[in-house]
């Protein structure tokens, strides 16, 4: 069974075993955590979020195995945004939209990040559900610049525009005292 993480972000391919400075045991642990999180069913999102959080921690806490040197090196490539994007997907499924936006922002700050239509749609949905239709429309605009005929983006843009029109009508009615 392929989980929603692999569908959106692809399988993990980074291997730290070729890097002499990365501890193979710590690398294996981070790889295991990501694999376990991606295989977690949707009804266990808390487990997936915990596993991905541990994997992100593994990225920053792996010790160098060189005699006489204590330092940290990543078990995953620290420029790889996929762990943050996978956790953002879990946060969205769990209704934690602000946390999802933070993880997407962390992922987008990575030099290897390339925006996708799916990720931009996630941003738009989170912003909309957090009560910010204008920033949601900006994310939809970016998604449509990547794929102008994307049916999901076009439908979401229509829904956001309709919602925005209703919000303006309500505000106008309140201002006129008709509510």
Foldseek 3Di string as FASTA:
>chain_A
DFAPLCVPQNQDDFACPVPLFFDNVLLVQLNVLQVVLRPDDLVPLVSSLVSLVVSVVSQFATFTPDPPDTDDHGSGDLLALSSLQSNLVSCVSVVNLVSSVVSLVSNVVRPPDDDALVSLQSNLVSCVVVPHLVVSLVSLVVSCVVPVPPPVSVVVNVVSVVVVVVVVVVVVCVVVVND
